[in-house]
Structures are given as C-alpha cells and as structure tokens.
PDB file of N, CA and C in Angstrom:
ATOM      1  N   MET A   1      12.563 -28.332   2.173  1.00  0.00           N
ATOM      2  CA  MET A   1      11.660 -29.186   2.931  1.00  0.00           C
ATOM      3  C   MET A   1      11.326 -30.433   2.122  1.00  0.00           C
ATOM      4  N   LYS A   2      11.335 -31.563   2.785  1.00  0.00           N
ATOM      5  CA  LYS A   2      11.073 -32.831   2.113  1.00  0.00           C
ATOM      6  C   LYS A   2       9.586 -32.943   1.766  1.00  0.00           C
ATOM      7  N   GLN A   3       9.292 -33.343   0.547  1.00  0.00           N
ATOM      8  CA  GLN A   3       7.905 -33.499   0.090  1.00  0.00           C
ATOM      9  C   GLN A   3       7.535 -34.979   0.086  1.00  0.00           C
ATOM     10  N   GLY A   4       7.267 -35.539   1.251  1.00  0.00           N
ATOM     11  CA  GLY A   4       6.876 -36.938   1.363  1.00  0.00           C
ATOM     12  C   GLY A   4       5.441 -37.042   1.834  1.00  0.00           C
ATOM     13  N   PHE A   5       5.106 -38.208   2.306  1.00  0.00           N
ATOM     14  CA  PHE A   5       3.776 -38.438   2.849  1.00  0.00           C
ATOM     15  C   PHE A   5       3.624 -37.669   4.155  1.00  0.00           C
ATOM     16  N   PRO A   6       2.489 -36.982   4.361  1.00  0.00           N
ATOM     17  CA  PRO A   6       2.276 -36.202   5.598  1.00  0.00           C
ATOM     18  C   PRO A   6       1.952 -37.114   6.782  1.00  0.00           C
ATOM     19  N   THR A   7       2.984 -37.715   7.349  1.00  0.00           N
ATOM     20  CA  THR A   7       2.816 -38.701   8.415  1.00  0.00           C
ATOM     21  C   THR A   7       2.117 -38.120   9.639  1.00  0.00           C
ATOM     22  N   PHE A   8       2.510 -36.929  10.061  1.00  0.00           N
ATOM     23  CA  PHE A   8       1.906 -36.322  11.249  1.00  0.00           C
ATOM     24  C   PHE A   8       0.406 -36.102  11.042  1.00  0.00           C
ATOM     25  N   ALA A   9       0.022 -35.643   9.874  1.00  0.00           N
ATOM     26  CA  ALA A   9      -1.398 -35.428   9.577  1.00  0.00           C
ATOM     27  C   ALA A   9      -2.153 -36.755   9.581  1.00  0.00           C
ATOM     28  N   ALA A  10      -1.554 -37.787   9.041  1.00  0.00           N
ATOM     29  CA  ALA A  10      -2.199 -39.105   9.021  1.00  0.00           C
ATOM     30  C   ALA A  10      -2.385 -39.636  10.446  1.00  0.00           C
ATOM     31  N   ILE A  11      -1.374 -39.439  11.289  1.00  0.00           N
ATOM     32  CA  ILE A  11      -1.486 -39.872  12.684  1.00  0.00           C
ATOM     33  C   ILE A  11      -2.603 -39.111  13.391  1.00  0.00           C
ATOM     34  N   LEU A  12      -2.658 -37.811  13.183  1.00  0.00           N
ATOM     35  CA  LEU A  12      -3.734 -37.015  13.785  1.00  0.00           C
ATOM     36  C   LEU A  12      -5.105 -37.476  13.292  1.00  0.00           C
ATOM     37  N   LEU A  13      -5.200 -37.793  12.025  1.00  0.00           N
ATOM     38  CA  LEU A  13      -6.465 -38.253  11.451  1.00  0.00           C
ATOM     39  C   LEU A  13      -6.896 -39.574  12.086  1.00  0.00           C
ATOM     40  N   ILE A  14      -5.973 -40.488  12.255  1.00  0.00           N
ATOM     41  CA  ILE A  14      -6.285 -41.783  12.863  1.00  0.00           C
ATOM     42  C   ILE A  14      -6.699 -41.615  14.320  1.00  0.00           C
ATOM     43  N   ILE A  15      -5.944 -40.824  15.076  1.00  0.00           N
ATOM     44  CA  ILE A  15      -6.285 -40.596  16.484  1.00  0.00           C
ATOM     45  C   ILE A  15      -7.654 -39.924  16.599  1.00  0.00           C
ATOM     46  N   GLY A  16      -7.899 -38.944  15.753  1.00  0.00           N
ATOM     47  CA  GLY A  16      -9.194 -38.260  15.776  1.00  0.00           C
ATOM     48  C   GLY A  16     -10.342 -39.188  15.448  1.00  0.00           C
ATOM     49  N   ALA A  17     -10.146 -40.056  14.470  1.00  0.00           N
ATOM     50  CA  ALA A  17     -11.204 -41.002  14.093  1.00  0.00           C
ATOM     51  C   ALA A  17     -11.488 -41.980  15.223  1.00  0.00           C
ATOM     52  N   ILE A  18     -10.431 -42.474  15.871  1.00  0.00           N
ATOM     53  CA  ILE A  18     -10.618 -43.387  17.005  1.00  0.00           C
ATOM     54  C   ILE A  18     -11.351 -42.691  18.140  1.00  0.00           C
ATOM     55  N   TRP A  19     -10.963 -41.459  18.413  1.00  0.00           N
ATOM     56  CA  TRP A  19     -11.622 -40.710  19.486  1.00  0.00           C
ATOM     57  C   TRP A  19     -13.086 -40.449  19.153  1.00  0.00           C
ATOM     58  N   LEU A  20     -13.366 -40.133  17.900  1.00  0.00           N
ATOM     59  CA  LEU A  20     -14.744 -39.886  17.484  1.00  0.00           C
ATOM     60  C   LEU A  20     -15.586 -41.156  17.605  1.00  0.00           C
ATOM     61  N   LEU A  21     -15.040 -42.286  17.190  1.00  0.00           N
ATOM     62  CA  LEU A  21     -15.751 -43.557  17.351  1.00  0.00           C
ATOM     63  C   LEU A  21     -16.035 -43.838  18.816  1.00  0.00           C
ATOM     64  N   SER A  22     -15.120 -43.458  19.674  1.00  0.00           N
ATOM     65  CA  SER A  22     -15.327 -43.627  21.106  1.00  0.00           C
ATOM     66  C   SER A  22     -16.463 -42.733  21.603  1.00  0.00           C
ATOM     67  N   ASP A  23     -16.499 -41.494  21.118  1.00  0.00           N
ATOM     68  CA  ASP A  23     -17.581 -40.574  21.509  1.00  0.00           C
ATOM     69  C   ASP A  23     -18.943 -41.068  21.032  1.00  0.00           C
ATOM     70  N   LEU A  24     -18.958 -41.726  19.898  1.00  0.00           N
ATOM     71  CA  LEU A  24     -20.212 -42.251  19.349  1.00  0.00           C
ATOM     72  C   LEU A  24     -20.576 -43.605  19.964  1.00  0.00           C
ATOM     73  N   LYS A  25     -19.786 -44.047  20.937  1.00  0.00           N
ATOM     74  CA  LYS A  25     -20.007 -45.309  21.653  1.00  0.00           C
ATOM     75  C   LYS A  25     -19.898 -46.527  20.741  1.00  0.00           C
ATOM     76  N   ILE A  26     -19.156 -46.419  19.652  1.00  0.00           N
ATOM     77  CA  ILE A  26     -18.910 -47.555  18.771  1.00  0.00           C
ATOM     78  C   ILE A  26     -17.780 -48.398  19.348  1.00  0.00           C
ATOM     79  N   ILE A  27     -16.778 -47.724  19.927  1.00  0.00           N
ATOM     80  CA  ILE A  27     -15.720 -48.402  20.668  1.00  0.00           C
ATOM     81  C   ILE A  27     -15.618 -47.730  22.034  1.00  0.00           C
ATOM     82  N   GLN A  28     -15.061 -48.426  23.003  1.00  0.00           N
ATOM     83  CA  GLN A  28     -14.986 -47.906  24.370  1.00  0.00           C
ATOM     84  C   GLN A  28     -13.566 -47.449  24.707  1.00  0.00           C
ATOM     85  N   ILE A  29     -13.359 -46.141  24.789  1.00  0.00           N
ATOM     86  CA  ILE A  29     -12.092 -45.549  25.203  1.00  0.00           C
ATOM     87  C   ILE A  29     -12.442 -44.335  26.060  1.00  0.00           C
ATOM     88  N   VAL A  30     -11.692 -44.122  27.136  1.00  0.00           N
ATOM     89  CA  VAL A  30     -11.884 -42.919  27.947  1.00  0.00           C
ATOM     90  C   VAL A  30     -11.553 -41.726  27.053  1.00  0.00           C
ATOM     91  N   ASN A  31     -12.418 -40.697  27.054  1.00  0.00           N
ATOM     92  CA  ASN A  31     -12.220 -39.625  26.074  1.00  0.00           C
ATOM     93  C   ASN A  31     -12.411 -38.229  26.646  1.00  0.00           C
ATOM     94  N   ILE A  32     -11.949 -37.268  25.871  1.00  0.00           N
ATOM     95  CA  ILE A  32     -12.154 -35.846  26.130  1.00  0.00           C
ATOM     96  C   ILE A  32     -13.048 -35.349  24.991  1.00  0.00           C
ATOM     97  N   PRO A  33     -14.221 -34.785  25.255  1.00  0.00           N
ATOM     98  CA  PRO A  33     -15.249 -34.546  24.232  1.00  0.00           C
ATOM     99  C   PRO A  33     -14.833 -33.814  22.951  1.00  0.00           C
ATOM    100  N   TRP A  34     -14.100 -32.725  23.003  1.00  0.00           N
ATOM    101  CA  TRP A  34     -13.860 -31.955  21.778  1.00  0.00           C
ATOM    102  C   TRP A  34     -12.553 -32.282  21.078  1.00  0.00           C
ATOM    103  N   ILE A  35     -11.712 -33.093  21.687  1.00  0.00           N
ATOM    104  CA  ILE A  35     -10.424 -33.428  21.092  1.00  0.00           C
ATOM    105  C   ILE A  35     -10.559 -34.091  19.719  1.00  0.00           C
ATOM    106  N   PRO A  36     -11.476 -35.046  19.510  1.00  0.00           N
ATOM    107  CA  PRO A  36     -11.539 -35.687  18.193  1.00  0.00           C
ATOM    108  C   PRO A  36     -11.877 -34.717  17.068  1.00  0.00           C
ATOM    109  N   VAL A  37     -12.782 -33.818  17.329  1.00  0.00           N
ATOM    110  CA  VAL A  37     -13.165 -32.852  16.295  1.00  0.00           C
ATOM    111  C   VAL A  37     -11.984 -31.947  15.962  1.00  0.00           C
ATOM    112  N   ILE A  38     -11.283 -31.488  16.974  1.00  0.00           N
ATOM    113  CA  ILE A  38     -10.122 -30.620  16.759  1.00  0.00           C
ATOM    114  C   ILE A  38      -9.042 -31.369  15.978  1.00  0.00           C
ATOM    115  N   LEU A  39      -8.754 -32.606  16.369  1.00  0.00           N
ATOM    116  CA  LEU A  39      -7.741 -33.395  15.676  1.00  0.00           C
ATOM    117  C   LEU A  39      -8.119 -33.650  14.226  1.00  0.00           C
ATOM    118  N   LEU A  40      -9.379 -33.975  13.978  1.00  0.00           N
ATOM    119  CA  LEU A  40      -9.825 -34.214  12.606  1.00  0.00           C
ATOM    120  C   LEU A  40      -9.698 -32.959  11.754  1.00  0.00           C
ATOM    121  N   VAL A  41     -10.085 -31.819  12.275  1.00  0.00           N
ATOM    122  CA  VAL A  41      -9.998 -30.572  11.520  1.00  0.00           C
ATOM    123  C   VAL A  41      -8.538 -30.228  11.210  1.00  0.00           C
ATOM    124  N   VAL A  42      -7.665 -30.379  12.202  1.00  0.00           N
ATOM    125  CA  VAL A  42      -6.245 -30.083  11.983  1.00  0.00           C
ATOM    126  C   VAL A  42      -5.655 -31.041  10.953  1.00  0.00           C
ATOM    127  N   ALA A  43      -5.953 -32.325  11.076  1.00  0.00           N
ATOM    128  CA  ALA A  43      -5.403 -33.318  10.151  1.00  0.00           C
ATOM    129  C   ALA A  43      -5.908 -33.110   8.734  1.00  0.00           C
ATOM    130  N   ILE A  44      -7.194 -32.850   8.570  1.00  0.00           N
ATOM    131  CA  ILE A  44      -7.750 -32.611   7.238  1.00  0.00           C
ATOM    132  C   ILE A  44      -7.140 -31.351   6.634  1.00  0.00           C
ATOM    133  N   GLY A  45      -6.955 -30.327   7.448  1.00  0.00           N
ATOM    134  CA  GLY A  45      -6.319 -29.103   6.962  1.00  0.00           C
ATOM    135  C   GLY A  45      -4.886 -29.348   6.523  1.00  0.00           C
ATOM    136  N   MET A  46      -4.145 -30.151   7.309  1.00  0.00           N
ATOM    137  CA  MET A  46      -2.766 -30.456   6.942  1.00  0.00           C
ATOM    138  C   MET A  46      -2.703 -31.271   5.660  1.00  0.00           C
ATOM    139  N   LEU A  47      -3.587 -32.267   5.510  1.00  0.00           N
ATOM    140  CA  LEU A  47      -3.620 -33.059   4.281  1.00  0.00           C
ATOM    141  C   LEU A  47      -4.002 -32.190   3.090  1.00  0.00           C
ATOM    142  N   TYR A  48      -4.982 -31.326   3.274  1.00  0.00           N
ATOM    143  CA  TYR A  48      -5.407 -30.446   2.186  1.00  0.00           C
ATOM    144  C   TYR A  48      -4.247 -29.536   1.742  1.00  0.00           C
ATOM    145  N   ASN A  49      -3.550 -28.945   2.705  1.00  0.00           N
ATOM    146  CA  ASN A  49      -2.429 -28.077   2.370  1.00  0.00           C
ATOM    147  C   ASN A  49      -1.279 -28.830   1.709  1.00  0.00           C
ATOM    148  N   HIS A  50      -1.100 -30.073   2.092  1.00  0.00           N
ATOM    149  CA  HIS A  50      -0.019 -30.870   1.512  1.00  0.00           C
ATOM    150  C   HIS A  50      -0.285 -31.194   0.045  1.00  0.00           C
ATOM    151  N   TYR A  51      -1.520 -31.532  -0.286  1.00  0.00           N
ATOM    152  CA  TYR A  51      -1.844 -31.940  -1.654  1.00  0.00           C
ATOM    153  C   TYR A  51      -2.360 -30.808  -2.536  1.00  0.00           C
ATOM    154  N   LYS A  52      -2.507 -29.607  -1.991  1.00  0.00           N
ATOM    155  CA  LYS A  52      -2.996 -28.450  -2.748  1.00  0.00           C
ATOM    156  C   LYS A  52      -1.824 -27.819  -3.505  1.00  0.00           C
ATOM    157  N   LYS A  53      -1.668 -28.157  -4.742  1.00  0.00           N
ATOM    158  CA  LYS A  53      -0.608 -27.575  -5.565  1.00  0.00           C
ATOM    159  C   LYS A  53      -1.006 -27.556  -6.994  1.00  0.00           C
TER     160      LYS A  53
END
C-alpha cells in the first residue's frame, strides 16, 4: 500500500468543515444536519490512523 498523503481524509475534513460552517450559519449552503459531524469524525480518525506509527 502506498504511504502518501491521505487525500480522501483531507477531502472529508474539508467537506465536513464547510458543512459545519453552514450549520452554524457562517456560510449559506443547503445542508443535512448530522453529515458534517460524521464526516469530521471519519476524517479525523483516518488522519489519526495514517500518522499513528
């Protein structure tokens, strides 16, 4: 398995952050309430597992 930058986790983190900002009414995007939290948790877990060695 290639040991590069965790691109998928970074994408999930960015999408989750944008969705969370939308939920907090900082930016305006149509949203689904729990998706940002789920995406952030998954992305942080993936980043943690990638750098945990």
